[in-house]
Amino acid sequence: MKSFIAVGTLAALVAFSSGAQPQRAQNQGGPPADPGAGFGPEQLTTFKVRDNFYMIRNGQSGNCSVLVADDGVVLIDNKFEMDHDAIMAKLREITDKPVLYVIDTHLHPDHSGGNATKQALGAKVIAHENARFQMAQTQATGLPNITLEDHMRLYHGEFVLDLYWLGRGHTDGDIVIYLPEQKMIFMGDLFATWDPYVTLIHYAAGGSLREWTRTLERALALPFDTVIPGHGGPTDRAHLETYRTQLVRMQDMVREMNRARKPREDIQKMLEMEFGWGGFVTNLGLDGVIGEMQ
């Protein structure tokens, strides 16, 4: 049976993405000079990645990627509902074409919170069936119109978008979006960078540390050069490979401590020291990780 997200969990996610994170060195002294660098600039900022592809970013919520074709726009993730007006204002600086589709990489509201407002403009929202199931437990509006199980292909002007569900990880409803012509992959929060990594395993939403590494192996089997994480600027294949290596290291360390019958408190301290865990990342993931890594 699929689990669902409690309202309190959503509130915690909103608090985290609204600035409850501890500030790390890369954000000291104000936003980075390069709007594509770091976890994200303080203010909502647009920058061009390549022709007809832009990102709208800030450090308070997930990346919003913009693909512009002759007939309209595809957004990959669209931040919180409260970001709608600002996103549309930034979008109108790029193009006056309509938003045709929004693709949710997963259910969390810092990526999918603007669904209803985009639907009101006529856009269709695409997500994994598991993500829609989870959303439906706590909301009546903004639910995806189109869902996939394993794969679907979207033709959008010059862009061919392959949407894949490759397995569990951050949640059980994360998808990756692969652009074969551009050799680019959008990972959502299956890969989140921040001084250097975020590893939120949301077990109540079907997440799994054990399966996350296999999911990343399947993503790495695709031929791509550029990686767009759920948080952080564009990066490369090597960075994603290192992220997977860190997850394997986490698995091994927790498993070893379990075998040595180390108490829960010691495992928590190790995750905080070695992998930067803390706050609701620990609350959502600790007991699940200990249980999986027996």
Protein backbone atom coordinates (compact mmCIF):
# COMPACT_ATOMS: atom_id res chain seq x y z
CA MET A 1 0.00 0.00 0.00
CA LYS A 2 1.32 3.43 -0.90
CA SER A 3 1.95 5.74 2.01
CA PHE A 4 0.87 9.37 2.06
CA ILE A 5 2.29 12.64 3.29
CA ALA A 6 0.94 14.12 6.48
CA VAL A 7 0.03 17.80 6.47
CA GLY A 8 2.74 18.40 9.06
CA THR A 9 5.33 16.95 6.73
CA LEU A 10 4.30 19.32 3.97
CA ALA A 11 4.57 22.20 6.40
CA ALA A 12 8.10 21.10 7.27
CA LEU A 13 9.03 20.94 3.60
CA VAL A 14 7.66 24.42 3.03
CA ALA A 15 9.61 25.74 6.01
CA PHE A 16 12.82 24.14 4.75
CA SER A 17 12.48 25.51 1.24
CA SER A 18 11.41 28.92 2.48
CA GLY A 19 14.73 29.53 4.13
CA ALA A 20 14.87 27.37 7.24
CA GLN A 21 18.09 25.76 5.98
CA PRO A 22 21.29 26.68 7.75
CA GLN A 23 23.22 29.08 5.58
CA ARG A 24 26.49 27.67 4.33
CA ALA A 25 29.67 29.32 3.20
CA GLN A 26 28.80 29.64 -0.46
CA ASN A 27 25.87 31.93 0.34
CA GLN A 28 27.71 34.20 2.76
CA GLY A 29 28.06 37.78 1.59
CA GLY A 30 24.93 37.72 -0.58
CA PRO A 31 23.88 35.84 -3.71
CA PRO A 32 26.56 34.47 -6.04
CA ALA A 33 27.64 36.73 -8.89
CA ASP A 34 26.80 33.96 -11.33
CA PRO A 35 23.04 33.24 -11.10
CA GLY A 36 23.76 29.68 -12.20
CA ALA A 37 26.12 29.02 -9.29
CA GLY A 38 25.53 27.76 -5.78
CA PHE A 39 22.31 26.51 -4.25
CA GLY A 40 20.53 29.53 -5.71
CA PRO A 41 20.58 33.34 -5.63
CA GLU A 42 18.60 35.11 -2.92
CA GLN A 43 16.26 36.79 -5.42
CA LEU A 44 14.37 35.02 -8.17
CA THR A 45 16.74 35.19 -11.14
CA THR A 46 16.60 34.08 -14.77
CA PHE A 47 19.60 32.96 -16.71
CA LYS A 48 20.05 31.45 -20.15
CA VAL A 49 21.60 28.01 -20.32
CA ARG A 50 21.46 27.67 -24.12
CA ASP A 51 19.19 28.69 -26.98
CA ASN A 52 15.54 28.31 -26.00
CA PHE A 53 16.43 26.93 -22.56
CA TYR A 54 16.42 29.06 -19.41
CA MET A 55 16.34 28.54 -15.67
CA ILE A 56 14.43 30.60 -13.10
CA ARG A 57 16.13 30.07 -9.77
CA ASN A 58 16.41 31.14 -6.18
CA GLY A 59 17.60 29.47 -3.00
CA GLN A 60 14.16 29.23 -1.39
CA SER A 61 12.66 26.57 -3.67
CA GLY A 62 13.46 24.12 -6.44
CA ASN A 63 14.71 25.01 -9.89
CA CYS A 64 12.19 26.00 -12.57
CA SER A 65 13.47 25.14 -16.06
CA VAL A 66 11.98 26.77 -19.16
CA LEU A 67 11.94 25.20 -22.64
CA VAL A 68 10.66 27.57 -25.34
CA ALA A 69 9.37 26.18 -28.64
CA ASP A 70 7.50 27.81 -31.53
CA ASP A 71 4.04 27.02 -30.14
CA GLY A 72 4.64 27.49 -26.44
CA VAL A 73 6.55 26.74 -23.26
CA VAL A 74 7.25 23.67 -21.16
CA LEU A 75 8.18 24.25 -17.52
CA ILE A 76 10.04 21.55 -15.62
CA ASP A 77 8.93 22.21 -12.04
CA ASN A 78 7.29 25.49 -11.04
CA LYS A 79 8.11 26.24 -7.42
CA PHE A 80 5.56 27.27 -4.77
CA GLU A 81 2.12 28.69 -5.51
CA MET A 82 3.27 31.99 -4.04
CA ASP A 83 5.98 32.17 -6.73
CA HIS A 84 3.49 32.11 -9.62
CA ASP A 85 3.28 35.85 -10.34
CA ALA A 86 7.03 36.30 -10.11
CA ILE A 87 7.71 33.30 -12.35
CA MET A 88 5.24 34.56 -14.96
CA ALA A 89 6.83 38.01 -14.85
CA LYS A 90 10.26 36.45 -15.43
CA LEU A 91 8.85 34.25 -18.16
CA ARG A 92 7.35 37.25 -19.97
CA GLU A 93 10.84 38.76 -20.12
CA ILE A 94 11.80 35.72 -22.21
CA THR A 95 8.69 35.07 -24.32
CA ASP A 96 4.99 35.87 -24.62
CA LYS A 97 4.17 32.29 -25.67
CA PRO A 98 1.75 30.32 -23.50
CA VAL A 99 2.73 27.67 -20.97
CA LEU A 100 1.53 24.41 -22.52
CA TYR A 101 2.90 21.87 -20.07
CA VAL A 102 4.31 21.72 -16.56
CA ILE A 103 6.32 18.62 -15.68
CA ASP A 104 6.57 17.86 -11.96
CA THR A 105 9.74 15.94 -11.16
CA HIS A 106 8.06 14.92 -7.90
CA LEU A 107 5.32 15.93 -5.48
CA HIS A 108 6.98 18.38 -3.07
CA PRO A 109 5.39 21.84 -3.14
CA ASP A 110 8.61 23.74 -3.78
CA HIS A 111 8.54 22.00 -7.18
CA SER A 112 4.82 21.45 -7.83
CA GLY A 113 3.11 24.19 -5.82
CA GLY A 114 2.33 26.33 -8.85
CA ASN A 115 0.40 23.59 -10.67
CA ALA A 116 -3.11 24.97 -10.10
CA THR A 117 -2.23 28.50 -11.20
CA LYS A 118 -0.63 27.18 -14.40
CA GLN A 119 -3.63 24.94 -15.04
CA ALA A 120 -5.85 28.01 -14.73
CA LEU A 121 -3.88 29.43 -17.68
CA GLY A 122 -4.56 26.29 -19.72
CA ALA A 123 -1.40 24.27 -19.05
CA LYS A 124 -1.44 20.51 -18.58
CA VAL A 125 0.56 19.07 -15.69
CA ILE A 126 2.51 15.82 -16.12
CA ALA A 127 3.88 13.70 -13.26
CA HIS A 128 4.35 10.11 -12.17
CA GLU A 129 1.26 8.24 -11.04
CA ASN A 130 2.76 7.76 -7.57
CA ALA A 131 3.38 11.49 -7.21
CA ARG A 132 -0.22 12.25 -8.17
CA PHE A 133 -1.45 9.64 -5.69
CA GLN A 134 0.56 11.28 -2.92
CA MET A 135 -0.62 14.79 -3.82
CA ALA A 136 -4.24 13.68 -3.82
CA GLN A 137 -4.00 12.77 -0.13
CA THR A 138 -3.55 16.41 0.88
CA GLN A 139 -4.91 18.63 -1.91
CA ALA A 140 -7.85 18.90 -4.27
CA THR A 141 -6.40 21.30 -6.84
CA GLY A 142 -3.22 21.27 -8.86
CA LEU A 143 -3.29 17.52 -9.38
CA PRO A 144 -1.50 16.36 -12.54
CA ASN A 145 -3.67 15.92 -15.64
CA ILE A 146 -1.37 13.34 -17.26
CA THR A 147 0.61 10.62 -15.51
CA LEU A 148 3.15 8.00 -16.51
CA GLU A 149 4.24 4.71 -15.02
CA ASP A 150 7.62 3.95 -16.62
CA HIS A 151 8.11 6.13 -19.71
CA MET A 152 6.47 8.66 -21.97
CA ARG A 153 7.79 10.85 -24.78
CA LEU A 154 6.79 14.47 -25.37
CA TYR A 155 7.54 16.19 -28.67
CA HIS A 156 7.82 19.93 -28.13
CA GLY A 157 9.18 21.86 -31.08
CA GLU A 158 12.93 21.22 -31.31
CA PHE A 159 12.83 19.37 -28.01
CA VAL A 160 12.22 15.66 -27.59
CA LEU A 161 11.62 14.92 -23.92
CA ASP A 162 11.82 11.37 -22.60
CA LEU A 163 10.24 11.12 -19.16
CA TYR A 164 11.39 8.12 -17.16
CA TRP A 165 10.53 6.57 -13.83
CA LEU A 166 13.74 4.73 -12.99
CA GLY A 167 12.97 3.65 -9.44
CA ARG A 168 12.62 4.85 -5.87
CA GLY A 169 14.98 7.27 -4.16
CA HIS A 170 14.05 10.68 -2.78
CA THR A 171 10.39 9.51 -3.02
CA ASP A 172 8.65 6.76 -4.98
CA GLY A 173 7.34 9.23 -7.58
CA ASP A 174 10.46 11.00 -8.85
CA ILE A 175 10.95 11.13 -12.60
CA VAL A 176 13.92 12.18 -14.70
CA ILE A 177 13.54 14.11 -17.94
CA TYR A 178 16.04 13.30 -20.66
CA LEU A 179 16.65 15.42 -23.76
CA PRO A 180 18.53 13.14 -26.18
CA GLU A 181 19.27 15.82 -28.78
CA GLN A 182 20.76 18.17 -26.19
CA LYS A 183 22.36 15.32 -24.15
CA MET A 184 20.84 16.80 -21.03
CA ILE A 185 19.09 15.24 -18.05
CA PHE A 186 16.85 16.83 -15.40
CA MET A 187 17.09 14.93 -12.12
CA GLY A 188 14.77 16.78 -9.76
CA ASP A 189 15.59 15.97 -6.15
CA LEU A 190 17.05 12.60 -7.07
CA PHE A 191 20.13 14.84 -7.28
CA ALA A 192 20.25 18.03 -5.23
CA THR A 193 23.47 19.99 -4.84
CA TRP A 194 24.29 22.25 -1.93
CA ASP A 195 27.75 22.50 -0.43
CA PRO A 196 27.86 19.94 -1.89
CA TYR A 197 24.89 17.58 -1.51
CA VAL A 198 21.38 17.20 -0.10
CA THR A 199 20.15 13.65 0.54
CA LEU A 200 16.55 13.86 1.70
CA ILE A 201 14.98 10.40 1.82
CA HIS A 202 11.26 10.94 2.34
CA TYR A 203 10.16 7.51 3.54
CA ALA A 204 6.54 8.55 4.14
CA ALA A 205 6.40 9.34 0.41
CA GLY A 206 7.96 6.01 -0.60
CA GLY A 207 11.61 7.05 -0.54
CA SER A 208 14.41 4.50 -0.27
CA LEU A 209 18.15 4.80 0.31
CA ARG A 210 18.67 1.18 -0.71
CA GLU A 211 17.02 1.67 -4.11
CA TRP A 212 18.25 5.23 -4.75
CA THR A 213 21.67 4.06 -5.94
CA ARG A 214 20.13 1.64 -8.44
CA THR A 215 17.89 4.43 -9.70
CA LEU A 216 20.94 6.63 -10.29
CA GLU A 217 22.71 3.77 -12.07
CA ARG A 218 19.84 3.63 -14.54
CA ALA A 219 20.03 7.40 -15.07
CA LEU A 220 23.78 7.21 -15.60
CA ALA A 221 23.23 4.61 -18.33
CA LEU A 222 21.75 7.38 -20.50
CA PRO A 223 24.16 9.32 -22.77
CA PHE A 224 24.21 12.88 -21.43
CA ASP A 225 26.73 15.62 -20.70
CA THR A 226 24.73 18.21 -18.73
CA VAL A 227 22.83 17.56 -15.51
CA ILE A 228 20.16 19.86 -14.07
CA PRO A 229 19.64 19.09 -10.37
CA GLY A 230 16.51 19.83 -8.38
CA HIS A 231 18.45 22.47 -6.44
CA GLY A 232 21.72 23.99 -7.59
CA GLY A 233 23.14 25.08 -10.91
CA PRO A 234 23.78 23.03 -14.05
CA THR A 235 26.57 20.53 -13.65
CA ASP A 236 28.00 17.42 -15.30
CA ARG A 237 28.00 13.62 -15.29
CA ALA A 238 31.01 13.40 -12.96
CA HIS A 239 29.12 15.32 -10.26
CA LEU A 240 26.19 12.91 -10.49
CA GLU A 241 28.55 9.94 -10.30
CA THR A 242 30.10 11.41 -7.14
CA TYR A 243 26.63 11.87 -5.66
CA ARG A 244 25.92 8.18 -6.22
CA THR A 245 29.26 7.27 -4.64
CA GLN A 246 28.30 9.27 -1.56
CA LEU A 247 25.01 7.40 -1.29
CA VAL A 248 26.86 4.07 -1.47
CA ARG A 249 29.18 5.29 1.28
CA MET A 250 26.15 6.24 3.37
CA GLN A 251 24.64 2.79 2.87
CA ASP A 252 27.88 1.07 3.87
CA MET A 253 28.43 3.19 6.99
CA VAL A 254 24.88 2.73 8.30
CA ARG A 255 24.97 -1.00 7.55
CA GLU A 256 28.30 -1.37 9.36
CA MET A 257 26.99 0.51 12.40
CA ASN A 258 23.86 -1.65 12.43
CA ARG A 259 25.98 -4.80 12.41
CA ALA A 260 28.02 -3.41 15.28
CA ARG A 261 24.73 -2.74 17.12
CA LYS A 262 25.46 0.95 17.45
CA PRO A 263 22.59 2.93 19.03
CA ARG A 264 20.30 5.15 17.01
CA GLU A 265 21.92 8.25 18.47
CA ASP A 266 25.35 7.24 17.15
CA ILE A 267 24.00 6.65 13.66
CA GLN A 268 22.26 10.01 13.73
CA LYS A 269 25.47 11.73 14.80
CA MET A 270 27.41 10.02 12.00
CA LEU A 271 24.88 11.11 9.37
CA GLU A 272 25.02 14.67 10.65
CA MET A 273 28.81 14.76 10.70
CA GLU A 274 29.55 12.86 7.50
CA PHE A 275 26.60 13.78 5.29
CA GLY A 276 25.27 17.07 6.63
CA TRP A 277 21.97 15.71 7.92
CA GLY A 278 19.90 17.76 10.34
CA GLY A 279 16.42 19.05 11.11
CA PHE A 280 13.59 17.47 9.17
CA VAL A 281 16.04 15.66 6.85
CA THR A 282 16.92 13.59 9.93
CA ASN A 283 13.31 13.38 11.11
CA LEU A 284 12.05 12.06 7.77
CA GLY A 285 14.93 9.72 7.02
CA LEU A 286 16.71 8.38 10.08
CA ASP A 287 14.50 5.49 11.15
CA GLY A 288 13.89 4.45 7.55
CA VAL A 289 17.60 4.35 6.77
CA ILE A 290 18.36 2.33 9.90
CA GLY A 291 15.58 -0.12 9.02
CA GLU A 292 16.66 -0.53 5.39
CA MET A 293 20.37 -0.95 6.10
CA GLN A 294 20.03 -4.01 8.35
